[in-house]
Amino acid sequence: MSTSDDDEKPLPPEQQRIVAKVRWLMLISGFATLLGIAVVIGVIGYRFFRSDGSVAQAEVTALLPKGAKVTATAVAGDRIAVTIEQGGTVEVRTFDLKTLRPTGRLRFANEP
């Protein structure tokens, strides 16, 4: 039984070196691809498991001065900003998004 492999002539040494070099480059390329996929999956897994449990589980009640009302809220990065109006003055209070603890207060007043 004759196959096409039996009928083919062997490659000259020059072409064999080229084929060997291409195989080596394909092996390196395949390894780099697998390494890249492993790194991406590793980073996703790290971030997923690291963030587990870091979200605040407790309920928090922020006390406002008497007569004050909340006019706006916003989320910026890892902070929550709450705009409060009281007696004609505006105040912005910021809270940490994960712990819900107060991080700052900005008051606006008119110049005399």
PDB file of N, CA and C in Angstrom:
ATOM      1  N   MET A   1       0.827  -1.168   0.000  1.00  0.00           N
ATOM      2  CA  MET A   1       0.000   0.000   0.000  1.00  0.00           C
ATOM      3  C   MET A   1       0.880   1.241   0.000  1.00  0.00           C
ATOM      4  N   SER A   2       0.703   2.100  -0.936  1.00  0.00           N
ATOM      5  CA  SER A   2       1.526   3.285  -1.093  1.00  0.00           C
ATOM      6  C   SER A   2       0.748   4.512  -0.648  1.00  0.00           C
ATOM      7  N   THR A   3       1.385   5.351   0.170  1.00  0.00           N
ATOM      8  CA  THR A   3       0.753   6.592   0.602  1.00  0.00           C
ATOM      9  C   THR A   3       1.525   7.759   0.024  1.00  0.00           C
ATOM     10  N   SER A   4       0.983   8.911   0.184  1.00  0.00           N
ATOM     11  CA  SER A   4       1.642  10.096  -0.362  1.00  0.00           C
ATOM     12  C   SER A   4       2.940  10.382   0.395  1.00  0.00           C
ATOM     13  N   ASP A   5       3.049   9.938   1.685  1.00  0.00           N
ATOM     14  CA  ASP A   5       4.282  10.142   2.442  1.00  0.00           C
ATOM     15  C   ASP A   5       5.443   9.353   1.831  1.00  0.00           C
ATOM     16  N   ASP A   6       5.145   8.177   1.293  1.00  0.00           N
ATOM     17  CA  ASP A   6       6.195   7.369   0.699  1.00  0.00           C
ATOM     18  C   ASP A   6       6.703   7.991  -0.594  1.00  0.00           C
ATOM     19  N   ASP A   7       5.830   8.687  -1.318  1.00  0.00           N
ATOM     20  CA  ASP A   7       6.200   9.268  -2.599  1.00  0.00           C
ATOM     21  C   ASP A   7       6.948  10.594  -2.456  1.00  0.00           C
ATOM     22  N   GLU A   8       6.829  11.240  -1.283  1.00  0.00           N
ATOM     23  CA  GLU A   8       7.470  12.548  -1.112  1.00  0.00           C
ATOM     24  C   GLU A   8       8.959  12.380  -0.863  1.00  0.00           C
ATOM     25  N   LYS A   9       9.702  13.292  -1.401  1.00  0.00           N
ATOM     26  CA  LYS A   9      11.145  13.293  -1.198  1.00  0.00           C
ATOM     27  C   LYS A   9      11.460  14.024   0.088  1.00  0.00           C
ATOM     28  N   PRO A  10      12.506  13.657   0.776  1.00  0.00           N
ATOM     29  CA  PRO A  10      12.871  14.391   1.991  1.00  0.00           C
ATOM     30  C   PRO A  10      13.281  15.827   1.644  1.00  0.00           C
ATOM     31  N   LEU A  11      13.044  16.706   2.614  1.00  0.00           N
ATOM     32  CA  LEU A  11      13.381  18.118   2.412  1.00  0.00           C
ATOM     33  C   LEU A  11      14.890  18.306   2.455  1.00  0.00           C
ATOM     34  N   PRO A  12      15.365  19.255   1.706  1.00  0.00           N
ATOM     35  CA  PRO A  12      16.791  19.582   1.795  1.00  0.00           C
ATOM     36  C   PRO A  12      17.111  20.129   3.194  1.00  0.00           C
ATOM     37  N   PRO A  13      18.353  20.022   3.652  1.00  0.00           N
ATOM     38  CA  PRO A  13      18.722  20.473   4.998  1.00  0.00           C
ATOM     39  C   PRO A  13      18.371  21.935   5.257  1.00  0.00           C
ATOM     40  N   GLU A  14      18.474  22.759   4.252  1.00  0.00           N
ATOM     41  CA  GLU A  14      18.141  24.176   4.393  1.00  0.00           C
ATOM     42  C   GLU A  14      16.669  24.345   4.776  1.00  0.00           C
ATOM     43  N   GLN A  15      15.782  23.641   4.116  1.00  0.00           N
ATOM     44  CA  GLN A  15      14.344  23.736   4.397  1.00  0.00           C
ATOM     45  C   GLN A  15      14.011  23.046   5.722  1.00  0.00           C
ATOM     46  N   GLN A  16      14.728  22.003   6.084  1.00  0.00           N
ATOM     47  CA  GLN A  16      14.492  21.350   7.368  1.00  0.00           C
ATOM     48  C   GLN A  16      14.796  22.304   8.526  1.00  0.00           C
ATOM     49  N   ARG A  17      15.840  23.103   8.383  1.00  0.00           N
ATOM     50  CA  ARG A  17      16.169  24.082   9.422  1.00  0.00           C
ATOM     51  C   ARG A  17      15.060  25.131   9.536  1.00  0.00           C
ATOM     52  N   ILE A  18      14.516  25.548   8.404  1.00  0.00           N
ATOM     53  CA  ILE A  18      13.427  26.530   8.420  1.00  0.00           C
ATOM     54  C   ILE A  18      12.197  25.944   9.098  1.00  0.00           C
ATOM     55  N   VAL A  19      11.854  24.700   8.775  1.00  0.00           N
ATOM     56  CA  VAL A  19      10.694  24.043   9.390  1.00  0.00           C
ATOM     57  C   VAL A  19      10.914  23.892  10.891  1.00  0.00           C
ATOM     58  N   ALA A  20      12.119  23.522  11.308  1.00  0.00           N
ATOM     59  CA  ALA A  20      12.418  23.389  12.733  1.00  0.00           C
ATOM     60  C   ALA A  20      12.297  24.740  13.445  1.00  0.00           C
ATOM     61  N   LYS A  21      12.769  25.798  12.799  1.00  0.00           N
ATOM     62  CA  LYS A  21      12.688  27.134  13.391  1.00  0.00           C
ATOM     63  C   LYS A  21      11.233  27.580  13.529  1.00  0.00           C
ATOM     64  N   VAL A  22      10.405  27.298  12.524  1.00  0.00           N
ATOM     65  CA  VAL A  22       8.982  27.657  12.586  1.00  0.00           C
ATOM     66  C   VAL A  22       8.299  26.886  13.703  1.00  0.00           C
ATOM     67  N   ARG A  23       8.624  25.613  13.856  1.00  0.00           N
ATOM     68  CA  ARG A  23       8.039  24.824  14.951  1.00  0.00           C
ATOM     69  C   ARG A  23       8.430  25.412  16.302  1.00  0.00           C
ATOM     70  N   TRP A  24       9.693  25.801  16.460  1.00  0.00           N
ATOM     71  CA  TRP A  24      10.160  26.395  17.702  1.00  0.00           C
ATOM     72  C   TRP A  24       9.427  27.710  17.989  1.00  0.00           C
ATOM     73  N   LEU A  25       9.248  28.546  16.977  1.00  0.00           N
ATOM     74  CA  LEU A  25       8.532  29.807  17.156  1.00  0.00           C
ATOM     75  C   LEU A  25       7.060  29.572  17.512  1.00  0.00           C
ATOM     76  N   MET A  26       6.450  28.548  16.924  1.00  0.00           N
ATOM     77  CA  MET A  26       5.061  28.206  17.251  1.00  0.00           C
ATOM     78  C   MET A  26       4.963  27.736  18.704  1.00  0.00           C
ATOM     79  N   LEU A  27       5.936  26.987  19.163  1.00  0.00           N
ATOM     80  CA  LEU A  27       5.944  26.517  20.545  1.00  0.00           C
ATOM     81  C   LEU A  27       6.054  27.701  21.509  1.00  0.00           C
ATOM     82  N   ILE A  28       6.942  28.631  21.211  1.00  0.00           N
ATOM     83  CA  ILE A  28       7.095  29.827  22.055  1.00  0.00           C
ATOM     84  C   ILE A  28       5.807  30.654  22.043  1.00  0.00           C
ATOM     85  N   SER A  29       5.204  30.822  20.888  1.00  0.00           N
ATOM     86  CA  SER A  29       3.965  31.588  20.776  1.00  0.00           C
ATOM     87  C   SER A  29       2.834  30.926  21.569  1.00  0.00           C
ATOM     88  N   GLY A  30       2.723  29.620  21.477  1.00  0.00           N
ATOM     89  CA  GLY A  30       1.694  28.899  22.229  1.00  0.00           C
ATOM     90  C   GLY A  30       1.904  29.029  23.727  1.00  0.00           C
ATOM     91  N   PHE A  31       3.160  28.943  24.173  1.00  0.00           N
ATOM     92  CA  PHE A  31       3.458  29.092  25.593  1.00  0.00           C
ATOM     93  C   PHE A  31       3.114  30.503  26.074  1.00  0.00           C
ATOM     94  N   ALA A  32       3.458  31.518  25.290  1.00  0.00           N
ATOM     95  CA  ALA A  32       3.149  32.903  25.666  1.00  0.00           C
ATOM     96  C   ALA A  32       1.637  33.122  25.757  1.00  0.00           C
ATOM     97  N   THR A  33       0.894  32.527  24.856  1.00  0.00           N
ATOM     98  CA  THR A  33      -0.569  32.647  24.876  1.00  0.00           C
ATOM     99  C   THR A  33      -1.137  32.002  26.138  1.00  0.00           C
ATOM    100  N   LEU A  34      -0.684  30.798  26.456  1.00  0.00           N
ATOM    101  CA  LEU A  34      -1.169  30.118  27.661  1.00  0.00           C
ATOM    102  C   LEU A  34      -0.790  30.896  28.922  1.00  0.00           C
ATOM    103  N   LEU A  35       0.405  31.443  28.944  1.00  0.00           N
ATOM    104  CA  LEU A  35       0.831  32.237  30.086  1.00  0.00           C
ATOM    105  C   LEU A  35      -0.043  33.488  30.242  1.00  0.00           C
ATOM    106  N   GLY A  36      -0.354  34.142  29.144  1.00  0.00           N
ATOM    107  CA  GLY A  36      -1.217  35.326  29.190  1.00  0.00           C
ATOM    108  C   GLY A  36      -2.611  35.002  29.698  1.00  0.00           C
ATOM    109  N   ILE A  37      -3.175  33.909  29.224  1.00  0.00           N
ATOM    110  CA  ILE A  37      -4.508  33.501  29.685  1.00  0.00           C
ATOM    111  C   ILE A  37      -4.474  33.175  31.173  1.00  0.00           C
ATOM    112  N   ALA A  38      -3.422  32.484  31.625  1.00  0.00           N
ATOM    113  CA  ALA A  38      -3.301  32.138  33.040  1.00  0.00           C
ATOM    114  C   ALA A  38      -3.195  33.390  33.906  1.00  0.00           C
ATOM    115  N   VAL A  39      -2.465  34.402  33.444  1.00  0.00           N
ATOM    116  CA  VAL A  39      -2.329  35.647  34.207  1.00  0.00           C
ATOM    117  C   VAL A  39      -3.674  36.362  34.314  1.00  0.00           C
ATOM    118  N   VAL A  40      -4.415  36.434  33.226  1.00  0.00           N
ATOM    119  CA  VAL A  40      -5.718  37.108  33.248  1.00  0.00           C
ATOM    120  C   VAL A  40      -6.677  36.390  34.194  1.00  0.00           C
ATOM    121  N   ILE A  41      -6.726  35.073  34.117  1.00  0.00           N
ATOM    122  CA  ILE A  41      -7.607  34.308  35.008  1.00  0.00           C
ATOM    123  C   ILE A  41      -7.156  34.471  36.460  1.00  0.00           C
ATOM    124  N   GLY A  42      -5.858  34.506  36.687  1.00  0.00           N
ATOM    125  CA  GLY A  42      -5.342  34.708  38.041  1.00  0.00           C
ATOM    126  C   GLY A  42      -5.728  36.057  38.622  1.00  0.00           C
ATOM    127  N   VAL A  43      -5.624  37.107  37.825  1.00  0.00           N
ATOM    128  CA  VAL A  43      -5.990  38.452  38.298  1.00  0.00           C
ATOM    129  C   VAL A  43      -7.483  38.533  38.591  1.00  0.00           C
ATOM    130  N   ILE A  44      -8.291  37.958  37.717  1.00  0.00           N
ATOM    131  CA  ILE A  44      -9.745  37.961  37.950  1.00  0.00           C
ATOM    132  C   ILE A  44     -10.065  37.212  39.236  1.00  0.00           C
ATOM    133  N   GLY A  45      -9.468  36.050  39.424  1.00  0.00           N
ATOM    134  CA  GLY A  45      -9.705  35.275  40.642  1.00  0.00           C
ATOM    135  C   GLY A  45      -9.246  36.004  41.887  1.00  0.00           C
ATOM    136  N   TYR A  46      -8.079  36.646  41.815  1.00  0.00           N
ATOM    137  CA  TYR A  46      -7.555  37.394  42.958  1.00  0.00           C
ATOM    138  C   TYR A  46      -8.503  38.522  43.348  1.00  0.00           C
ATOM    139  N   ARG A  47      -8.946  39.272  42.374  1.00  0.00           N
ATOM    140  CA  ARG A  47      -9.854  40.390  42.680  1.00  0.00           C
ATOM    141  C   ARG A  47     -11.202  39.901  43.196  1.00  0.00           C
ATOM    142  N   PHE A  48     -11.672  38.793  42.662  1.00  0.00           N
ATOM    143  CA  PHE A  48     -12.965  38.258  43.096  1.00  0.00           C
ATOM    144  C   PHE A  48     -12.890  37.807  44.550  1.00  0.00           C
ATOM    145  N   PHE A  49     -11.872  37.045  44.901  1.00  0.00           N
ATOM    146  CA  PHE A  49     -11.779  36.531  46.255  1.00  0.00           C
ATOM    147  C   PHE A  49     -11.300  37.577  47.253  1.00  0.00           C
ATOM    148  N   ARG A  50     -10.549  38.553  46.805  1.00  0.00           N
ATOM    149  CA  ARG A  50     -10.076  39.603  47.693  1.00  0.00           C
ATOM    150  C   ARG A  50     -11.210  40.535  48.098  1.00  0.00           C
ATOM    151  N   SER A  51     -12.128  40.819  47.198  1.00  0.00           N
ATOM    152  CA  SER A  51     -13.213  41.743  47.496  1.00  0.00           C
ATOM    153  C   SER A  51     -14.318  41.084  48.311  1.00  0.00           C
ATOM    154  N   ASP A  52     -14.300  39.759  48.436  1.00  0.00           N
ATOM    155  CA  ASP A  52     -15.324  39.038  49.186  1.00  0.00           C
ATOM    156  C   ASP A  52     -15.251  39.428  50.658  1.00  0.00           C
ATOM    157  N   GLY A  53     -16.363  39.895  51.193  1.00  0.00           N
ATOM    158  CA  GLY A  53     -16.414  40.248  52.598  1.00  0.00           C
ATOM    159  C   GLY A  53     -15.989  41.667  52.902  1.00  0.00           C
ATOM    160  N   SER A  54     -15.527  42.425  51.929  1.00  0.00           N
ATOM    161  CA  SER A  54     -15.091  43.788  52.207  1.00  0.00           C
ATOM    162  C   SER A  54     -16.243  44.786  52.156  1.00  0.00           C
ATOM    163  N   VAL A  55     -17.400  44.349  51.741  1.00  0.00           N
ATOM    164  CA  VAL A  55     -18.565  45.226  51.679  1.00  0.00           C
ATOM    165  C   VAL A  55     -19.182  45.309  53.070  1.00  0.00           C
ATOM    166  N   ALA A  56     -19.571  46.514  53.472  1.00  0.00           N
ATOM    167  CA  ALA A  56     -20.152  46.706  54.796  1.00  0.00           C
ATOM    168  C   ALA A  56     -21.443  45.912  54.918  1.00  0.00           C
ATOM    169  N   GLN A  57     -21.561  45.193  56.012  1.00  0.00           N
ATOM    170  CA  GLN A  57     -22.736  44.358  56.236  1.00  0.00           C
ATOM    171  C   GLN A  57     -23.727  45.020  57.190  1.00  0.00           C
ATOM    172  N   ALA A  58     -23.290  46.028  57.912  1.00  0.00           N
ATOM    173  CA  ALA A  58     -24.128  46.659  58.928  1.00  0.00           C
ATOM    174  C   ALA A  58     -24.918  47.820  58.342  1.00  0.00           C
ATOM    175  N   GLU A  59     -25.999  48.142  59.033  1.00  0.00           N
ATOM    176  CA  GLU A  59     -26.797  49.306  58.674  1.00  0.00           C
ATOM    177  C   GLU A  59     -26.261  50.503  59.449  1.00  0.00           C
ATOM    178  N   VAL A  60     -26.146  51.640  58.799  1.00  0.00           N
ATOM    179  CA  VAL A  60     -25.609  52.835  59.442  1.00  0.00           C
ATOM    180  C   VAL A  60     -26.641  53.945  59.321  1.00  0.00           C
ATOM    181  N   THR A  61     -26.822  54.675  60.416  1.00  0.00           N
ATOM    182  CA  THR A  61     -27.727  55.815  60.413  1.00  0.00           C
ATOM    183  C   THR A  61     -26.903  57.067  60.654  1.00  0.00           C
ATOM    184  N   ALA A  62     -26.921  57.981  59.698  1.00  0.00           N
ATOM    185  CA  ALA A  62     -26.215  59.250  59.839  1.00  0.00           C
ATOM    186  C   ALA A  62     -27.201  60.281  60.374  1.00  0.00           C
ATOM    187  N   LEU A  63     -26.803  60.963  61.426  1.00  0.00           N
ATOM    188  CA  LEU A  63     -27.674  61.966  62.035  1.00  0.00           C
ATOM    189  C   LEU A  63     -27.461  63.307  61.354  1.00  0.00           C
ATOM    190  N   LEU A  64     -28.565  63.938  60.975  1.00  0.00           N
ATOM    191  CA  LEU A  64     -28.527  65.260  60.361  1.00  0.00           C
ATOM    192  C   LEU A  64     -28.979  66.292  61.385  1.00  0.00           C
ATOM    193  N   PRO A  65     -28.499  67.523  61.252  1.00  0.00           N
ATOM    194  CA  PRO A  65     -28.982  68.581  62.146  1.00  0.00           C
ATOM    195  C   PRO A  65     -30.485  68.792  61.948  1.00  0.00           C
ATOM    196  N   LYS A  66     -31.129  69.296  62.977  1.00  0.00           N
ATOM    197  CA  LYS A  66     -32.572  69.521  62.917  1.00  0.00           C
ATOM    198  C   LYS A  66     -32.900  70.515  61.810  1.00  0.00           C
ATOM    199  N   GLY A  67     -33.870  70.182  60.972  1.00  0.00           N
ATOM    200  CA  GLY A  67     -34.298  71.045  59.882  1.00  0.00           C
ATOM    201  C   GLY A  67     -33.486  70.878  58.602  1.00  0.00           C
ATOM    202  N   ALA A  68     -32.488  70.035  58.599  1.00  0.00           N
ATOM    203  CA  ALA A  68     -31.669  69.832  57.402  1.00  0.00           C
ATOM    204  C   ALA A  68     -32.339  68.816  56.483  1.00  0.00           C
ATOM    205  N   LYS A  69     -32.077  68.962  55.190  1.00  0.00           N
ATOM    206  CA  LYS A  69     -32.622  67.982  54.247  1.00  0.00           C
ATOM    207  C   LYS A  69     -31.550  67.629  53.221  1.00  0.00           C
ATOM    208  N   VAL A  70     -31.595  66.396  52.762  1.00  0.00           N
ATOM    209  CA  VAL A  70     -30.651  65.910  51.763  1.00  0.00           C
ATOM    210  C   VAL A  70     -31.139  66.369  50.395  1.00  0.00           C
ATOM    211  N   THR A  71     -30.271  67.059  49.658  1.00  0.00           N
ATOM    212  CA  THR A  71     -30.674  67.556  48.337  1.00  0.00           C
ATOM    213  C   THR A  71     -30.090  66.727  47.203  1.00  0.00           C
ATOM    214  N   ALA A  72     -28.965  66.034  47.446  1.00  0.00           N
ATOM    215  CA  ALA A  72     -28.364  65.217  46.380  1.00  0.00           C
ATOM    216  C   ALA A  72     -27.411  64.199  46.980  1.00  0.00           C
ATOM    217  N   THR A  73     -27.220  63.110  46.246  1.00  0.00           N
ATOM    218  CA  THR A  73     -26.222  62.109  46.608  1.00  0.00           C
ATOM    219  C   THR A  73     -25.458  61.727  45.346  1.00  0.00           C
ATOM    220  N   ALA A  74     -24.209  61.298  45.525  1.00  0.00           N
ATOM    221  CA  ALA A  74     -23.401  60.879  44.381  1.00  0.00           C
ATOM    222  C   ALA A  74     -22.332  59.908  44.865  1.00  0.00           C
ATOM    223  N   VAL A  75     -21.903  59.039  43.963  1.00  0.00           N
ATOM    224  CA  VAL A  75     -20.817  58.110  44.251  1.00  0.00           C
ATOM    225  C   VAL A  75     -19.643  58.507  43.371  1.00  0.00           C
ATOM    226  N   ALA A  76     -18.478  58.690  44.001  1.00  0.00           N
ATOM    227  CA  ALA A  76     -17.271  59.069  43.269  1.00  0.00           C
ATOM    228  C   ALA A  76     -16.121  58.201  43.777  1.00  0.00           C
ATOM    229  N   GLY A  77     -15.655  57.287  42.953  1.00  0.00           N
ATOM    230  CA  GLY A  77     -14.557  56.413  43.353  1.00  0.00           C
ATOM    231  C   GLY A  77     -14.989  55.515  44.489  1.00  0.00           C
ATOM    232  N   ASP A  78     -14.321  55.642  45.631  1.00  0.00           N
ATOM    233  CA  ASP A  78     -14.671  54.830  46.793  1.00  0.00           C
ATOM    234  C   ASP A  78     -15.321  55.686  47.885  1.00  0.00           C
ATOM    235  N   ARG A  79     -15.993  56.744  47.475  1.00  0.00           N
ATOM    236  CA  ARG A  79     -16.663  57.646  48.411  1.00  0.00           C
ATOM    237  C   ARG A  79     -18.119  57.872  47.994  1.00  0.00           C
ATOM    238  N   ILE A  80     -18.948  58.155  48.994  1.00  0.00           N
ATOM    239  CA  ILE A  80     -20.329  58.572  48.764  1.00  0.00           C
ATOM    240  C   ILE A  80     -20.407  60.024  49.219  1.00  0.00           C
ATOM    241  N   ALA A  81     -20.909  60.901  48.370  1.00  0.00           N
ATOM    242  CA  ALA A  81     -21.054  62.316  48.714  1.00  0.00           C
ATOM    243  C   ALA A  81     -22.538  62.621  48.896  1.00  0.00           C
ATOM    244  N   VAL A  82     -22.865  63.247  50.014  1.00  0.00           N
ATOM    245  CA  VAL A  82     -24.249  63.616  50.323  1.00  0.00           C
ATOM    246  C   VAL A  82     -24.298  65.128  50.502  1.00  0.00           C
ATOM    247  N   THR A  83     -25.158  65.797  49.724  1.00  0.00           N
ATOM    248  CA  THR A  83     -25.311  67.244  49.812  1.00  0.00           C
ATOM    249  C   THR A  83     -26.504  67.547  50.722  1.00  0.00           C
ATOM    250  N   ILE A  84     -26.258  68.386  51.732  1.00  0.00           N
ATOM    251  CA  ILE A  84     -27.278  68.717  52.728  1.00  0.00           C
ATOM    252  C   ILE A  84     -27.505  70.227  52.708  1.00  0.00           C
ATOM    253  N   GLU A  85     -28.776  70.612  52.829  1.00  0.00           N
ATOM    254  CA  GLU A  85     -29.120  72.029  52.918  1.00  0.00           C
ATOM    255  C   GLU A  85     -29.778  72.278  54.268  1.00  0.00           C
ATOM    256  N   GLN A  86     -29.260  73.307  54.973  1.00  0.00           N
ATOM    257  CA  GLN A  86     -29.817  73.632  56.278  1.00  0.00           C
ATOM    258  C   GLN A  86     -29.784  75.137  56.484  1.00  0.00           C
ATOM    259  N   GLY A  87     -30.920  75.711  56.644  1.00  0.00           N
ATOM    260  CA  GLY A  87     -31.023  77.140  56.940  1.00  0.00           C
ATOM    261  C   GLY A  87     -30.336  78.022  55.916  1.00  0.00           C
ATOM    262  N   GLY A  88     -30.379  77.679  54.650  1.00  0.00           N
ATOM    263  CA  GLY A  88     -29.800  78.503  53.603  1.00  0.00           C
ATOM    264  C   GLY A  88     -28.331  78.214  53.318  1.00  0.00           C
ATOM    265  N   THR A  89     -27.707  77.338  54.067  1.00  0.00           N
ATOM    266  CA  THR A  89     -26.318  76.962  53.794  1.00  0.00           C
ATOM    267  C   THR A  89     -26.270  75.544  53.235  1.00  0.00           C
ATOM    268  N   VAL A  90     -25.262  75.321  52.415  1.00  0.00           N
ATOM    269  CA  VAL A  90     -25.100  74.011  51.780  1.00  0.00           C
ATOM    270  C   VAL A  90     -23.851  73.352  52.350  1.00  0.00           C
ATOM    271  N   GLU A  91     -23.958  72.055  52.588  1.00  0.00           N
ATOM    272  CA  GLU A  91     -22.847  71.283  53.144  1.00  0.00           C
ATOM    273  C   GLU A  91     -22.763  69.953  52.405  1.00  0.00           C
ATOM    274  N   VAL A  92     -21.529  69.516  52.121  1.00  0.00           N
ATOM    275  CA  VAL A  92     -21.315  68.213  51.480  1.00  0.00           C
ATOM    276  C   VAL A  92     -20.588  67.326  52.476  1.00  0.00           C
ATOM    277  N   ARG A  93     -21.155  66.182  52.758  1.00  0.00           N
ATOM    278  CA  ARG A  93     -20.523  65.207  53.641  1.00  0.00           C
ATOM    279  C   ARG A  93     -20.129  63.990  52.811  1.00  0.00           C
ATOM    280  N   THR A  94     -18.936  63.477  53.065  1.00  0.00           N
ATOM    281  CA  THR A  94     -18.479  62.298  52.328  1.00  0.00           C
ATOM    282  C   THR A  94     -18.321  61.126  53.283  1.00  0.00           C
ATOM    283  N   PHE A  95     -18.598  59.939  52.741  1.00  0.00           N
ATOM    284  CA  PHE A  95     -18.524  58.704  53.510  1.00  0.00           C
ATOM    285  C   PHE A  95     -17.740  57.673  52.701  1.00  0.00           C
ATOM    286  N   ASP A  96     -16.987  56.809  53.411  1.00  0.00           N
ATOM    287  CA  ASP A  96     -16.271  55.717  52.762  1.00  0.00           C
ATOM    288  C   ASP A  96     -17.290  54.698  52.262  1.00  0.00           C
ATOM    289  N   LEU A  97     -17.131  54.247  51.026  1.00  0.00           N
ATOM    290  CA  LEU A  97     -18.111  53.351  50.408  1.00  0.00           C
ATOM    291  C   LEU A  97     -18.128  51.976  51.065  1.00  0.00           C
ATOM    292  N   LYS A  98     -16.986  51.474  51.510  1.00  0.00           N
ATOM    293  CA  LYS A  98     -16.928  50.127  52.079  1.00  0.00           C
ATOM    294  C   LYS A  98     -17.348  50.086  53.543  1.00  0.00           C
ATOM    295  N   THR A  99     -16.907  51.063  54.327  1.00  0.00           N
ATOM    296  CA  THR A  99     -17.192  51.030  55.762  1.00  0.00           C
ATOM    297  C   THR A  99     -18.358  51.936  56.155  1.00  0.00           C
ATOM    298  N   LEU A 100     -18.746  52.853  55.284  1.00  0.00           N
ATOM    299  CA  LEU A 100     -19.816  53.835  55.522  1.00  0.00           C
ATOM    300  C   LEU A 100     -19.497  54.782  56.671  1.00  0.00           C
ATOM    301  N   ARG A 101     -18.215  54.949  56.977  1.00  0.00           N
ATOM    302  CA  ARG A 101     -17.799  55.903  58.006  1.00  0.00           C
ATOM    303  C   ARG A 101     -17.607  57.274  57.370  1.00  0.00           C
ATOM    304  N   PRO A 102     -17.889  58.348  58.117  1.00  0.00           N
ATOM    305  CA  PRO A 102     -17.684  59.704  57.585  1.00  0.00           C
ATOM    306  C   PRO A 102     -16.200  59.949  57.314  1.00  0.00           C
ATOM    307  N   THR A 103     -15.900  60.573  56.171  1.00  0.00           N
ATOM    308  CA  THR A 103     -14.508  60.872  55.833  1.00  0.00           C
ATOM    309  C   THR A 103     -14.243  62.362  55.693  1.00  0.00           C
ATOM    310  N   GLY A 104     -15.280  63.161  55.545  1.00  0.00           N
ATOM    311  CA  GLY A 104     -15.044  64.588  55.412  1.00  0.00           C
ATOM    312  C   GLY A 104     -16.321  65.393  55.365  1.00  0.00           C
ATOM    313  N   ARG A 105     -16.131  66.704  55.541  1.00  0.00           N
ATOM    314  CA  ARG A 105     -17.277  67.618  55.526  1.00  0.00           C
ATOM    315  C   ARG A 105     -16.819  68.917  54.869  1.00  0.00           C
ATOM    316  N   LEU A 106     -17.599  69.407  53.925  1.00  0.00           N
ATOM    317  CA  LEU A 106     -17.289  70.647  53.225  1.00  0.00           C
ATOM    318  C   LEU A 106     -18.489  71.571  53.367  1.00  0.00           C
ATOM    319  N   ARG A 107     -18.245  72.737  53.982  1.00  0.00           N
ATOM    320  CA  ARG A 107     -19.337  73.702  54.179  1.00  0.00           C
ATOM    321  C   ARG A 107     -19.150  74.868  53.229  1.00  0.00           C
ATOM    322  N   PHE A 108     -20.250  75.367  52.709  1.00  0.00           N
ATOM    323  CA  PHE A 108     -20.243  76.530  51.829  1.00  0.00           C
ATOM    324  C   PHE A 108     -20.930  77.677  52.576  1.00  0.00           C
ATOM    325  N   ALA A 109     -20.283  78.843  52.557  1.00  0.00           N
ATOM    326  CA  ALA A 109     -20.859  80.021  53.206  1.00  0.00           C
ATOM    327  C   ALA A 109     -20.604  81.241  52.338  1.00  0.00           C
ATOM    328  N   ASN A 110     -21.454  82.249  52.475  1.00  0.00           N
ATOM    329  CA  ASN A 110     -21.296  83.507  51.744  1.00  0.00           C
ATOM    330  C   ASN A 110     -20.292  84.398  52.472  1.00  0.00           C
ATOM    331  N   GLU A 111     -19.500  85.126  51.699  1.00  0.00           N
ATOM    332  CA  GLU A 111     -18.568  86.061  52.297  1.00  0.00           C
ATOM    333  C   GLU A 111     -19.327  87.233  52.899  1.00  0.00           C
ATOM    334  N   PRO A 112     -18.818  87.779  54.024  1.00  0.00           N
ATOM    335  CA  PRO A 112     -19.535  88.909  54.664  1.00  0.00           C
ATOM    336  C   PRO A 112     -19.394  90.201  53.891  1.00  0.00           C
TER     337      PRO A 112
END
